[in-house]
Amino acid sequence: MRWGALLATFSFVLALSVAPAAAADAPATVCTVSDQRLTEMSGLVSDGQWWYAINDGGSKVQVFVLGHDCAVQRVITNSLDPYDPEDLARTPDGTLWLSDTGDNDKKRATVALVALPPQGKATLYRLTYPDGQHDVEALLLDRQGTPYLVTKTPFGDSGVYRPVSALTSPGPTPLEKVGTVEFKTTGTPGGPVAGFGSVLVTGAASSADGTVVALRTYTDAYLYLAPDGDVAAALKRAPVRIPLPDEQQGEALAFEPDGTLLSGGEGAGQPIRAVKNAASLVAPPTQDARDGAPAAAGHESSSGAGGSPGISPVSALILAVVLAGGGLFAVARLRRRSARK
């Protein structure tokens, strides 16, 4: 009874905390991934001709090369055994970067990046955080190839980390925290975790010219303007939110060279979907953003997204507990009164 009331109240609070959406087309299915070797897609990039995808986990490096019909054309492999690869990025020279940064149990002494050039063997770069372990499923590369890791947290306050110096192999190279990205709950359906799925960062992508970077949750994508290629500065600007509804476990995100946004996720027979001209929805930053004022994800953007800002997951949870407690208290009083009659 008590948990039922609590969950009902919490669901009501989450329904109130809907962040404004960007004026974007709904995602359209391009094709469906039917290859049984690729049932846990967590990372995706595009070079315009091919799509490159990775599974979550595995005992060796595997990158699946897909045509635009979702059929696997070939598999790039390496015997290096990763711990938990979660995301994929690509530099202009064709090098694929696997983000071996998954850590659900927060027990890894180091995380790693794996560089896989078109010709040559994989190179492992170990990394260490300055403030304890983190679970990370999102990797961004800036124009210079500097990696940025964005944490996955249920409280909507994702940390942004980058190396303090050039990467060394095997390392480890220390990371430094360079920012925090705040996310609000949204009403977009989908994902394996109701409510909180809309604040859990599960993937990232950069446009071909590096002027737009994107983060995604299980349910939404957030696009940030990076006119000078500065990722840390971009993630402090107000984003454009693009809903990605009804994805079973949305984790993959990529830009086509023309600015189309691609999304996909884990599960057998899942689609790859596209939002045309998504990158063009990101307008120049507002004066506040140019002056360095941080903006929380989901707030009104300069693209014209409207609506009322949501509330944070922590605030929602506290409010839910308070409301549920009040409701249970009222029910208990009514029962006591009835018993005395």
C-alpha atoms as a PDB file:
ATOM      1  CA  MET A   1       0.000   0.000   0.000  1.00  0.00           C
ATOM      2  CA  ARG A   2       2.642   2.513   1.025  1.00  0.00           C
ATOM      3  CA  TRP A   3       4.950   1.772  -1.892  1.00  0.00           C
ATOM      4  CA  GLY A   4       1.996   1.919  -4.265  1.00  0.00           C
ATOM      5  CA  ALA A   5       1.052   5.352  -3.009  1.00  0.00           C
ATOM      6  CA  LEU A   6       4.648   6.498  -3.172  1.00  0.00           C
ATOM      7  CA  LEU A   7       5.110   5.312  -6.755  1.00  0.00           C
ATOM      8  CA  ALA A   8       1.802   6.820  -7.831  1.00  0.00           C
ATOM      9  CA  THR A   9       2.733  10.162  -6.342  1.00  0.00           C
ATOM     10  CA  PHE A  10       6.234  10.008  -7.823  1.00  0.00           C
ATOM     11  CA  SER A  11       4.777   9.311 -11.272  1.00  0.00           C
ATOM     12  CA  PHE A  12       2.482  12.322 -10.828  1.00  0.00           C
ATOM     13  CA  VAL A  13       5.436  14.551  -9.948  1.00  0.00           C
ATOM     14  CA  LEU A  14       7.420  13.313 -12.959  1.00  0.00           C
ATOM     15  CA  ALA A  15       4.468  14.099 -15.201  1.00  0.00           C
ATOM     16  CA  LEU A  16       4.661  17.710 -14.031  1.00  0.00           C
ATOM     17  CA  SER A  17       8.388  18.018 -14.763  1.00  0.00           C
ATOM     18  CA  VAL A  18       8.336  18.113 -18.556  1.00  0.00           C
ATOM     19  CA  ALA A  19      11.163  20.094 -20.156  1.00  0.00           C
ATOM     20  CA  PRO A  20      10.494  22.022 -23.388  1.00  0.00           C
ATOM     21  CA  ALA A  21      11.271  20.240 -26.635  1.00  0.00           C
ATOM     22  CA  ALA A  22      13.023  21.558 -29.720  1.00  0.00           C
ATOM     23  CA  ALA A  23      11.069  22.265 -32.896  1.00  0.00           C
ATOM     24  CA  ALA A  24      12.344  19.173 -34.668  1.00  0.00           C
ATOM     25  CA  ASP A  25      10.855  16.494 -36.877  1.00  0.00           C
ATOM     26  CA  ALA A  26       9.991  13.223 -35.206  1.00  0.00           C
ATOM     27  CA  PRO A  27      12.655  10.519 -35.645  1.00  0.00           C
ATOM     28  CA  ALA A  28      11.981   8.427 -38.757  1.00  0.00           C
ATOM     29  CA  THR A  29      13.031   4.788 -39.026  1.00  0.00           C
ATOM     30  CA  VAL A  30      15.718   4.294 -41.670  1.00  0.00           C
ATOM     31  CA  CYS A  31      16.197   0.555 -41.278  1.00  0.00           C
ATOM     32  CA  THR A  32      16.229  -2.238 -38.701  1.00  0.00           C
ATOM     33  CA  VAL A  33      19.321  -4.010 -37.365  1.00  0.00           C
ATOM     34  CA  SER A  34      18.566  -7.709 -37.731  1.00  0.00           C
ATOM     35  CA  ASP A  35      22.093  -9.144 -37.463  1.00  0.00           C
ATOM     36  CA  GLN A  36      22.205 -11.266 -34.306  1.00  0.00           C
ATOM     37  CA  ARG A  37      25.842 -10.288 -33.733  1.00  0.00           C
ATOM     38  CA  LEU A  38      24.771  -6.716 -33.067  1.00  0.00           C
ATOM     39  CA  THR A  39      22.036  -6.865 -30.439  1.00  0.00           C
ATOM     40  CA  GLU A  40      23.508  -4.485 -27.851  1.00  0.00           C
ATOM     41  CA  MET A  41      24.391  -1.446 -29.915  1.00  0.00           C
ATOM     42  CA  SER A  42      25.716   1.264 -27.617  1.00  0.00           C
ATOM     43  CA  GLY A  43      27.962   3.331 -29.906  1.00  0.00           C
ATOM     44  CA  LEU A  44      27.511   4.646 -33.454  1.00  0.00           C
ATOM     45  CA  VAL A  45      29.402   6.945 -35.862  1.00  0.00           C
ATOM     46  CA  SER A  46      29.070   7.764 -39.560  1.00  0.00           C
ATOM     47  CA  ASP A  47      31.546   8.787 -42.248  1.00  0.00           C
ATOM     48  CA  GLY A  48      28.766   9.463 -44.750  1.00  0.00           C
ATOM     49  CA  GLN A  49      29.232   6.208 -46.631  1.00  0.00           C
ATOM     50  CA  TRP A  50      29.204   3.692 -43.775  1.00  0.00           C
ATOM     51  CA  TRP A  51      27.946   3.450 -40.233  1.00  0.00           C
ATOM     52  CA  TYR A  52      30.226   2.022 -37.549  1.00  0.00           C
ATOM     53  CA  ALA A  53      28.694   0.445 -34.455  1.00  0.00           C
ATOM     54  CA  ILE A  54      29.815  -1.380 -31.321  1.00  0.00           C
ATOM     55  CA  ASN A  55      28.108  -3.648 -28.838  1.00  0.00           C
ATOM     56  CA  ASP A  56      28.008  -2.992 -25.123  1.00  0.00           C
ATOM     57  CA  GLY A  57      30.645  -5.293 -23.593  1.00  0.00           C
ATOM     58  CA  GLY A  58      32.337  -8.228 -25.299  1.00  0.00           C
ATOM     59  CA  SER A  59      35.607 -10.107 -24.936  1.00  0.00           C
ATOM     60  CA  LYS A  60      37.436  -8.469 -27.856  1.00  0.00           C
ATOM     61  CA  VAL A  61      37.347  -5.265 -29.847  1.00  0.00           C
ATOM     62  CA  GLN A  62      34.664  -5.464 -32.544  1.00  0.00           C
ATOM     63  CA  VAL A  63      33.404  -2.655 -34.756  1.00  0.00           C
ATOM     64  CA  PHE A  64      30.559  -3.522 -37.107  1.00  0.00           C
ATOM     65  CA  VAL A  65      30.497  -1.693 -40.446  1.00  0.00           C
ATOM     66  CA  LEU A  66      26.919  -1.213 -41.666  1.00  0.00           C
ATOM     67  CA  GLY A  67      25.382  -0.034 -44.893  1.00  0.00           C
ATOM     68  CA  HIS A  68      22.466   2.374 -44.815  1.00  0.00           C
ATOM     69  CA  ASP A  69      20.163  -0.632 -44.970  1.00  0.00           C
ATOM     70  CA  CYS A  70      21.471  -1.744 -41.529  1.00  0.00           C
ATOM     71  CA  ALA A  71      23.131  -4.828 -43.027  1.00  0.00           C
ATOM     72  CA  VAL A  72      26.567  -5.649 -41.615  1.00  0.00           C
ATOM     73  CA  GLN A  73      29.155  -5.440 -44.403  1.00  0.00           C
ATOM     74  CA  ARG A  74      32.211  -6.431 -42.385  1.00  0.00           C
ATOM     75  CA  VAL A  75      33.575  -6.497 -38.849  1.00  0.00           C
ATOM     76  CA  ILE A  76      36.779  -4.768 -37.743  1.00  0.00           C
ATOM     77  CA  THR A  77      38.315  -6.864 -34.971  1.00  0.00           C
ATOM     78  CA  ASN A  78      41.270  -6.824 -32.625  1.00  0.00           C
ATOM     79  CA  SER A  79      42.271  -9.314 -29.947  1.00  0.00           C
ATOM     80  CA  LEU A  80      42.486  -6.624 -27.262  1.00  0.00           C
ATOM     81  CA  ASP A  81      40.014  -7.570 -24.513  1.00  0.00           C
ATOM     82  CA  PRO A  82      38.072  -4.509 -23.273  1.00  0.00           C
ATOM     83  CA  TYR A  83      36.301  -4.373 -19.920  1.00  0.00           C
ATOM     84  CA  ASP A  84      33.057  -2.585 -20.849  1.00  0.00           C
ATOM     85  CA  PRO A  85      33.039  -0.491 -24.066  1.00  0.00           C
ATOM     86  CA  GLU A  86      30.104   1.908 -24.177  1.00  0.00           C
ATOM     87  CA  ASP A  87      30.558   4.550 -26.879  1.00  0.00           C
ATOM     88  CA  LEU A  88      32.299   5.174 -30.182  1.00  0.00           C
ATOM     89  CA  ALA A  89      33.815   8.274 -31.808  1.00  0.00           C
ATOM     90  CA  ARG A  90      35.805   8.928 -34.982  1.00  0.00           C
ATOM     91  CA  THR A  91      38.505  11.408 -35.959  1.00  0.00           C
ATOM     92  CA  PRO A  92      38.829  12.840 -39.506  1.00  0.00           C
ATOM     93  CA  ASP A  93      41.733  10.503 -40.295  1.00  0.00           C
ATOM     94  CA  GLY A  94      39.384   7.548 -39.855  1.00  0.00           C
ATOM     95  CA  THR A  95      40.611   6.402 -36.458  1.00  0.00           C
ATOM     96  CA  LEU A  96      37.838   4.868 -34.378  1.00  0.00           C
ATOM     97  CA  TRP A  97      37.911   5.511 -30.642  1.00  0.00           C
ATOM     98  CA  LEU A  98      36.156   3.066 -28.309  1.00  0.00           C
ATOM     99  CA  SER A  99      35.199   4.356 -24.885  1.00  0.00           C
ATOM    100  CA  ASP A 100      35.934   1.437 -22.551  1.00  0.00           C
ATOM    101  CA  THR A 101      34.512   3.364 -19.615  1.00  0.00           C
ATOM    102  CA  GLY A 102      31.496   1.425 -18.356  1.00  0.00           C
ATOM    103  CA  ASP A 103      31.576   0.895 -14.589  1.00  0.00           C
ATOM    104  CA  ASN A 104      28.120   0.140 -13.181  1.00  0.00           C
ATOM    105  CA  ASP A 105      29.542  -1.108  -9.882  1.00  0.00           C
ATOM    106  CA  LYS A 106      32.030   1.780  -9.480  1.00  0.00           C
ATOM    107  CA  LYS A 107      34.966  -0.552  -8.893  1.00  0.00           C
ATOM    108  CA  ARG A 108      37.439   0.088 -11.737  1.00  0.00           C
ATOM    109  CA  ALA A 109      40.826   1.511 -10.753  1.00  0.00           C
ATOM    110  CA  THR A 110      41.236   2.779 -14.327  1.00  0.00           C
ATOM    111  CA  VAL A 111      39.059   3.196 -17.401  1.00  0.00           C
ATOM    112  CA  ALA A 112      40.356   3.247 -20.956  1.00  0.00           C
ATOM    113  CA  LEU A 113      40.119   4.493 -24.509  1.00  0.00           C
ATOM    114  CA  VAL A 114      41.026   2.252 -27.426  1.00  0.00           C
ATOM    115  CA  ALA A 115      42.250   3.808 -30.684  1.00  0.00           C
ATOM    116  CA  LEU A 116      41.650   1.690 -33.784  1.00  0.00           C
ATOM    117  CA  PRO A 117      43.165   3.261 -36.930  1.00  0.00           C
ATOM    118  CA  PRO A 118      42.155   2.160 -40.433  1.00  0.00           C
ATOM    119  CA  GLN A 119      45.505   0.440 -40.808  1.00  0.00           C
ATOM    120  CA  GLY A 120      47.382  -0.807 -37.770  1.00  0.00           C
ATOM    121  CA  LYS A 121      46.777  -2.412 -34.413  1.00  0.00           C
ATOM    122  CA  ALA A 122      44.691  -1.055 -31.544  1.00  0.00           C
ATOM    123  CA  THR A 123      46.306   1.161 -28.911  1.00  0.00           C
ATOM    124  CA  LEU A 124      45.113   1.216 -25.301  1.00  0.00           C
ATOM    125  CA  TYR A 125      45.134   4.413 -23.220  1.00  0.00           C
ATOM    126  CA  ARG A 126      44.281   4.034 -19.541  1.00  0.00           C
ATOM    127  CA  LEU A 127      42.742   6.941 -17.595  1.00  0.00           C
ATOM    128  CA  THR A 128      42.125   7.765 -13.930  1.00  0.00           C
ATOM    129  CA  TYR A 129      39.557  10.102 -12.365  1.00  0.00           C
ATOM    130  CA  PRO A 130      40.549  12.698  -9.751  1.00  0.00           C
ATOM    131  CA  ASP A 131      37.526  12.042  -7.526  1.00  0.00           C
ATOM    132  CA  GLY A 132      36.671   8.333  -7.456  1.00  0.00           C
ATOM    133  CA  GLN A 133      34.976   5.953  -9.852  1.00  0.00           C
ATOM    134  CA  HIS A 134      32.280   6.909 -12.368  1.00  0.00           C
ATOM    135  CA  ASP A 135      30.081   5.089 -14.841  1.00  0.00           C
ATOM    136  CA  VAL A 136      30.511   6.659 -18.291  1.00  0.00           C
ATOM    137  CA  GLU A 137      28.706   5.827 -21.532  1.00  0.00           C
ATOM    138  CA  ALA A 138      29.359   9.035 -23.491  1.00  0.00           C
ATOM    139  CA  LEU A 139      32.526  10.061 -25.358  1.00  0.00           C
ATOM    140  CA  LEU A 140      33.078  13.315 -27.265  1.00  0.00           C
ATOM    141  CA  LEU A 141      36.169  14.286 -29.276  1.00  0.00           C
ATOM    142  CA  ASP A 142      36.983  17.910 -30.054  1.00  0.00           C
ATOM    143  CA  ARG A 143      38.636  19.099 -33.260  1.00  0.00           C
ATOM    144  CA  GLN A 144      42.094  18.371 -31.874  1.00  0.00           C
ATOM    145  CA  GLY A 145      41.067  14.861 -30.872  1.00  0.00           C
ATOM    146  CA  THR A 146      40.926  15.636 -27.152  1.00  0.00           C
ATOM    147  CA  PRO A 147      38.501  13.188 -25.491  1.00  0.00           C
ATOM    148  CA  TYR A 148      35.746  14.292 -23.126  1.00  0.00           C
ATOM    149  CA  LEU A 149      33.917  11.785 -20.917  1.00  0.00           C
ATOM    150  CA  VAL A 150      30.432  12.540 -19.559  1.00  0.00           C
ATOM    151  CA  THR A 151      29.221  10.550 -16.570  1.00  0.00           C
ATOM    152  CA  LYS A 152      25.942   8.679 -16.206  1.00  0.00           C
ATOM    153  CA  THR A 153      24.229   9.591 -12.930  1.00  0.00           C
ATOM    154  CA  PRO A 154      20.613   9.186 -11.738  1.00  0.00           C
ATOM    155  CA  PHE A 155      20.651  12.645 -10.172  1.00  0.00           C
ATOM    156  CA  GLY A 156      20.852  14.567 -13.457  1.00  0.00           C
ATOM    157  CA  ASP A 157      24.238  16.147 -12.672  1.00  0.00           C
ATOM    158  CA  SER A 158      26.648  14.612 -15.160  1.00  0.00           C
ATOM    159  CA  GLY A 159      30.338  15.421 -14.740  1.00  0.00           C
ATOM    160  CA  VAL A 160      32.537  16.303 -17.728  1.00  0.00           C
ATOM    161  CA  TYR A 161      36.151  15.061 -17.671  1.00  0.00           C
ATOM    162  CA  ARG A 162      39.146  15.362 -20.002  1.00  0.00           C
ATOM    163  CA  PRO A 163      42.827  14.353 -19.780  1.00  0.00           C
ATOM    164  CA  VAL A 164      45.174  16.818 -18.085  1.00  0.00           C
ATOM    165  CA  SER A 165      47.846  16.122 -20.725  1.00  0.00           C
ATOM    166  CA  ALA A 166      48.432  14.215 -23.934  1.00  0.00           C
ATOM    167  CA  LEU A 167      47.430  10.565 -23.771  1.00  0.00           C
ATOM    168  CA  THR A 168      50.144   7.998 -23.170  1.00  0.00           C
ATOM    169  CA  SER A 169      49.958   4.261 -23.748  1.00  0.00           C
ATOM    170  CA  PRO A 170      49.253   2.341 -21.668  1.00  0.00           C
ATOM    171  CA  GLY A 171      49.203   5.193 -19.126  1.00  0.00           C
ATOM    172  CA  PRO A 172      47.321   5.924 -16.995  1.00  0.00           C
ATOM    173  CA  THR A 173      46.768   9.569 -17.842  1.00  0.00           C
ATOM    174  CA  PRO A 174      44.973  11.571 -15.122  1.00  0.00           C
ATOM    175  CA  LEU A 175      41.644  13.187 -15.943  1.00  0.00           C
ATOM    176  CA  GLU A 176      40.379  16.534 -14.674  1.00  0.00           C
ATOM    177  CA  LYS A 177      36.816  17.653 -14.177  1.00  0.00           C
ATOM    178  CA  VAL A 178      35.996  20.614 -16.418  1.00  0.00           C
ATOM    179  CA  GLY A 179      32.249  20.981 -15.937  1.00  0.00           C
ATOM    180  CA  THR A 180      28.865  19.639 -14.977  1.00  0.00           C
ATOM    181  CA  VAL A 181      25.828  19.249 -17.228  1.00  0.00           C
ATOM    182  CA  GLU A 182      22.428  19.427 -15.524  1.00  0.00           C
ATOM    183  CA  PHE A 183      19.492  17.446 -16.886  1.00  0.00           C
ATOM    184  CA  LYS A 184      15.790  17.676 -16.070  1.00  0.00           C
ATOM    185  CA  THR A 185      13.193  14.958 -16.240  1.00  0.00           C
ATOM    186  CA  THR A 186      11.075  14.974 -19.407  1.00  0.00           C
ATOM    187  CA  GLY A 187       7.843  13.382 -20.471  1.00  0.00           C
ATOM    188  CA  THR A 188       9.391  11.518 -23.394  1.00  0.00           C
ATOM    189  CA  PRO A 189       8.405   7.827 -23.216  1.00  0.00           C
ATOM    190  CA  GLY A 190      10.915   5.028 -23.564  1.00  0.00           C
ATOM    191  CA  GLY A 191      13.969   3.514 -21.966  1.00  0.00           C
ATOM    192  CA  PRO A 192      14.350   0.784 -19.351  1.00  0.00           C
ATOM    193  CA  VAL A 193      14.094   3.127 -16.337  1.00  0.00           C
ATOM    194  CA  ALA A 194      10.825   5.055 -16.109  1.00  0.00           C
ATOM    195  CA  GLY A 195      11.254   8.715 -15.182  1.00  0.00           C
ATOM    196  CA  PHE A 196      14.946   8.640 -14.352  1.00  0.00           C
ATOM    197  CA  GLY A 197      15.789   7.368 -17.843  1.00  0.00           C
ATOM    198  CA  SER A 198      15.431  10.908 -19.133  1.00  0.00           C
ATOM    199  CA  VAL A 199      18.429  12.121 -17.083  1.00  0.00           C
ATOM    200  CA  LEU A 200      20.820   9.185 -17.561  1.00  0.00           C
ATOM    201  CA  VAL A 201      23.453  10.064 -20.183  1.00  0.00           C
ATOM    202  CA  THR A 202      23.937   7.064 -22.477  1.00  0.00           C
ATOM    203  CA  GLY A 203      25.767   8.401 -25.542  1.00  0.00           C
ATOM    204  CA  ALA A 204      27.300  11.338 -27.381  1.00  0.00           C
ATOM    205  CA  ALA A 205      28.148  12.586 -30.874  1.00  0.00           C
ATOM    206  CA  SER A 206      29.925  15.426 -32.680  1.00  0.00           C
ATOM    207  CA  SER A 207      29.030  16.958 -36.035  1.00  0.00           C
ATOM    208  CA  ALA A 208      31.497  16.510 -38.893  1.00  0.00           C
ATOM    209  CA  ASP A 209      32.874  20.049 -38.540  1.00  0.00           C
ATOM    210  CA  GLY A 210      32.846  19.973 -34.733  1.00  0.00           C
ATOM    211  CA  THR A 211      30.517  22.966 -34.393  1.00  0.00           C
ATOM    212  CA  VAL A 212      27.704  20.975 -32.768  1.00  0.00           C
ATOM    213  CA  VAL A 213      28.068  18.365 -30.034  1.00  0.00           C
ATOM    214  CA  ALA A 214      25.283  16.213 -28.660  1.00  0.00           C
ATOM    215  CA  LEU A 215      24.534  14.152 -25.582  1.00  0.00           C
ATOM    216  CA  ARG A 216      21.679  11.702 -25.269  1.00  0.00           C
ATOM    217  CA  THR A 217      19.715  10.060 -22.519  1.00  0.00           C
ATOM    218  CA  TYR A 218      17.505   7.015 -22.929  1.00  0.00           C
ATOM    219  CA  THR A 219      14.733   9.298 -24.181  1.00  0.00           C
ATOM    220  CA  ASP A 220      16.124  12.571 -25.554  1.00  0.00           C
ATOM    221  CA  ALA A 221      19.060  14.145 -27.401  1.00  0.00           C
ATOM    222  CA  TYR A 222      20.569  17.505 -26.432  1.00  0.00           C
ATOM    223  CA  LEU A 223      22.439  19.523 -29.043  1.00  0.00           C
ATOM    224  CA  TYR A 224      24.975  22.199 -28.040  1.00  0.00           C
ATOM    225  CA  LEU A 225      26.602  24.860 -30.201  1.00  0.00           C
ATOM    226  CA  ALA A 226      30.412  24.714 -30.364  1.00  0.00           C
ATOM    227  CA  PRO A 227      31.315  27.397 -32.931  1.00  0.00           C
ATOM    228  CA  ASP A 228      35.011  27.304 -32.037  1.00  0.00           C
ATOM    229  CA  GLY A 229      35.111  23.569 -31.339  1.00  0.00           C
ATOM    230  CA  ASP A 230      35.432  24.082 -27.575  1.00  0.00           C
ATOM    231  CA  VAL A 231      33.494  21.159 -26.082  1.00  0.00           C
ATOM    232  CA  ALA A 232      33.766  22.298 -22.453  1.00  0.00           C
ATOM    233  CA  ALA A 233      32.359  25.727 -23.345  1.00  0.00           C
ATOM    234  CA  ALA A 234      29.643  24.218 -25.540  1.00  0.00           C
ATOM    235  CA  LEU A 235      28.291  22.077 -22.716  1.00  0.00           C
ATOM    236  CA  LYS A 236      27.730  25.229 -20.632  1.00  0.00           C
ATOM    237  CA  ARG A 237      25.352  26.684 -23.238  1.00  0.00           C
ATOM    238  CA  ALA A 238      21.603  26.182 -23.439  1.00  0.00           C
ATOM    239  CA  PRO A 239      20.926  23.134 -25.614  1.00  0.00           C
ATOM    240  CA  VAL A 240      18.243  22.229 -28.090  1.00  0.00           C
ATOM    241  CA  ARG A 241      16.347  19.132 -26.959  1.00  0.00           C
ATOM    242  CA  ILE A 242      15.185  16.594 -29.536  1.00  0.00           C
ATOM    243  CA  PRO A 243      12.873  13.880 -28.175  1.00  0.00           C
ATOM    244  CA  LEU A 244      13.760  10.302 -29.170  1.00  0.00           C
ATOM    245  CA  PRO A 245      10.616   8.549 -27.932  1.00  0.00           C
ATOM    246  CA  ASP A 246       9.903   4.859 -27.594  1.00  0.00           C
ATOM    247  CA  GLU A 247      13.429   3.507 -27.911  1.00  0.00           C
ATOM    248  CA  GLN A 248      13.729   0.310 -25.913  1.00  0.00           C
ATOM    249  CA  GLN A 249      17.200   1.155 -24.578  1.00  0.00           C
ATOM    250  CA  GLY A 250      18.514   4.104 -26.548  1.00  0.00           C
ATOM    251  CA  GLU A 251      22.276   4.447 -26.212  1.00  0.00           C
ATOM    252  CA  ALA A 252      23.735   5.130 -29.671  1.00  0.00           C
ATOM    253  CA  LEU A 253      23.937   8.593 -31.239  1.00  0.00           C
ATOM    254  CA  ALA A 254      25.692   9.904 -34.370  1.00  0.00           C
ATOM    255  CA  PHE A 255      25.695  12.762 -36.870  1.00  0.00           C
ATOM    256  CA  GLU A 256      25.725  12.270 -40.613  1.00  0.00           C
ATOM    257  CA  PRO A 257      27.984  14.764 -42.459  1.00  0.00           C
ATOM    258  CA  ASP A 258      24.864  16.679 -43.586  1.00  0.00           C
ATOM    259  CA  GLY A 259      23.739  17.249 -39.966  1.00  0.00           C
ATOM    260  CA  THR A 260      21.175  14.450 -39.784  1.00  0.00           C
ATOM    261  CA  LEU A 261      21.038  12.947 -36.298  1.00  0.00           C
ATOM    262  CA  LEU A 262      21.011   9.146 -36.036  1.00  0.00           C
ATOM    263  CA  SER A 263      19.920   7.178 -32.988  1.00  0.00           C
ATOM    264  CA  GLY A 264      19.704   3.525 -32.025  1.00  0.00           C
ATOM    265  CA  GLY A 265      19.982   1.235 -29.067  1.00  0.00           C
ATOM    266  CA  GLU A 266      20.256  -2.154 -27.483  1.00  0.00           C
ATOM    267  CA  GLY A 267      17.936  -5.041 -28.213  1.00  0.00           C
ATOM    268  CA  ALA A 268      17.345  -7.510 -31.036  1.00  0.00           C
ATOM    269  CA  GLY A 269      15.690  -6.092 -34.131  1.00  0.00           C
ATOM    270  CA  GLN A 270      15.952  -2.437 -33.105  1.00  0.00           C
ATOM    271  CA  PRO A 271      15.767   0.384 -35.665  1.00  0.00           C
ATOM    272  CA  ILE A 272      18.217   3.100 -36.546  1.00  0.00           C
ATOM    273  CA  ARG A 273      16.246   6.325 -36.769  1.00  0.00           C
ATOM    274  CA  ALA A 274      17.060   9.722 -38.262  1.00  0.00           C
ATOM    275  CA  VAL A 275      16.143  13.339 -37.544  1.00  0.00           C
ATOM    276  CA  LYS A 276      16.845  15.363 -40.692  1.00  0.00           C
ATOM    277  CA  ASN A 277      18.679  18.700 -40.410  1.00  0.00           C
ATOM    278  CA  ALA A 278      19.029  18.333 -36.650  1.00  0.00           C
ATOM    279  CA  ALA A 279      22.336  20.205 -36.466  1.00  0.00           C
ATOM    280  CA  SER A 280      20.765  23.263 -38.137  1.00  0.00           C
ATOM    281  CA  LEU A 281      18.358  23.621 -35.183  1.00  0.00           C
ATOM    282  CA  VAL A 282      21.181  24.858 -32.966  1.00  0.00           C
ATOM    283  CA  ALA A 283      21.165  28.652 -33.196  1.00  0.00           C
ATOM    284  CA  PRO A 284      23.940  31.043 -32.044  1.00  0.00           C
ATOM    285  CA  PRO A 285      24.205  31.313 -28.250  1.00  0.00           C
ATOM    286  CA  THR A 286      22.251  33.905 -26.310  1.00  0.00           C
ATOM    287  CA  GLN A 287      24.053  36.871 -24.754  1.00  0.00           C
ATOM    288  CA  ASP A 288      24.022  35.121 -21.374  1.00  0.00           C
ATOM    289  CA  ALA A 289      25.723  32.070 -22.863  1.00  0.00           C
ATOM    290  CA  ARG A 290      28.337  34.245 -24.591  1.00  0.00           C
ATOM    291  CA  ASP A 291      29.013  35.905 -21.263  1.00  0.00           C
ATOM    292  CA  GLY A 292      29.690  32.506 -19.721  1.00  0.00           C
ATOM    293  CA  ALA A 293      26.469  31.972 -17.763  1.00  0.00           C
ATOM    294  CA  PRO A 294      25.728  28.226 -17.501  1.00  0.00           C
ATOM    295  CA  ALA A 295      22.400  26.936 -18.721  1.00  0.00           C
ATOM    296  CA  ALA A 296      20.730  23.717 -17.635  1.00  0.00           C
ATOM    297  CA  ALA A 297      19.750  21.112 -20.188  1.00  0.00           C
ATOM    298  CA  GLY A 298      16.098  21.283 -21.091  1.00  0.00           C
ATOM    299  CA  HIS A 299      15.704  25.038 -20.537  1.00  0.00           C
ATOM    300  CA  GLU A 300      14.372  27.234 -23.304  1.00  0.00           C
ATOM    301  CA  SER A 301      16.896  27.473 -26.123  1.00  0.00           C
ATOM    302  CA  SER A 302      17.574  30.138 -28.703  1.00  0.00           C
ATOM    303  CA  SER A 303      16.057  27.870 -31.358  1.00  0.00           C
ATOM    304  CA  GLY A 304      12.584  28.768 -30.153  1.00  0.00           C
ATOM    305  CA  ALA A 305      11.836  25.823 -27.922  1.00  0.00           C
ATOM    306  CA  GLY A 306       9.150  26.835 -25.493  1.00  0.00           C
ATOM    307  CA  GLY A 307       7.467  25.656 -22.326  1.00  0.00           C
ATOM    308  CA  SER A 308       8.184  25.591 -18.634  1.00  0.00           C
ATOM    309  CA  PRO A 309      11.443  24.202 -17.274  1.00  0.00           C
ATOM    310  CA  GLY A 310      11.280  20.875 -15.457  1.00  0.00           C
ATOM    311  CA  ILE A 311      12.414  20.117 -11.940  1.00  0.00           C
ATOM    312  CA  SER A 312      15.476  18.121 -11.021  1.00  0.00           C
ATOM    313  CA  PRO A 313      15.183  14.391 -10.256  1.00  0.00           C
ATOM    314  CA  VAL A 314      16.348  14.957  -6.683  1.00  0.00           C
ATOM    315  CA  SER A 315      13.723  17.646  -6.116  1.00  0.00           C
ATOM    316  CA  ALA A 316      11.090  15.445  -7.711  1.00  0.00           C
ATOM    317  CA  LEU A 317      11.982  12.554  -5.446  1.00  0.00           C
ATOM    318  CA  ILE A 318      11.893  14.723  -2.327  1.00  0.00           C
ATOM    319  CA  LEU A 319       8.557  16.200  -3.352  1.00  0.00           C
ATOM    320  CA  ALA A 320       7.183  12.742  -4.075  1.00  0.00           C
ATOM    321  CA  VAL A 321       8.218  11.461  -0.658  1.00  0.00           C
ATOM    322  CA  VAL A 322       6.678  14.471   1.046  1.00  0.00           C
ATOM    323  CA  LEU A 323       3.416  14.193  -0.866  1.00  0.00           C
ATOM    324  CA  ALA A 324       3.236  10.450  -0.388  1.00  0.00           C
ATOM    325  CA  GLY A 325       3.931  10.803   3.306  1.00  0.00           C
ATOM    326  CA  GLY A 326       1.198  13.387   3.609  1.00  0.00           C
ATOM    327  CA  GLY A 327      -1.256  11.159   1.776  1.00  0.00           C
ATOM    328  CA  LEU A 328      -0.482   8.151   3.937  1.00  0.00           C
ATOM    329  CA  PHE A 329      -0.806  10.263   7.064  1.00  0.00           C
ATOM    330  CA  ALA A 330      -4.236  11.477   5.951  1.00  0.00           C
ATOM    331  CA  VAL A 331      -5.397   7.925   5.217  1.00  0.00           C
ATOM    332  CA  ALA A 332      -4.193   6.732   8.605  1.00  0.00           C
ATOM    333  CA  ARG A 333      -6.108   9.516  10.366  1.00  0.00           C
ATOM    334  CA  LEU A 334      -9.307   8.644   8.510  1.00  0.00           C
ATOM    335  CA  ARG A 335      -8.917   4.979   9.469  1.00  0.00           C
ATOM    336  CA  ARG A 336      -8.426   5.875  13.144  1.00  0.00           C
ATOM    337  CA  ARG A 337     -11.516   8.068  13.072  1.00  0.00           C
ATOM    338  CA  SER A 338     -13.594   5.291  11.522  1.00  0.00           C
ATOM    339  CA  ALA A 339     -12.372   2.831  14.130  1.00  0.00           C
ATOM    340  CA  ARG A 340     -13.476   5.107  16.974  1.00  0.00           C
ATOM    341  CA  LYS A 341     -17.023   5.397  15.617  1.00  0.00           C
END
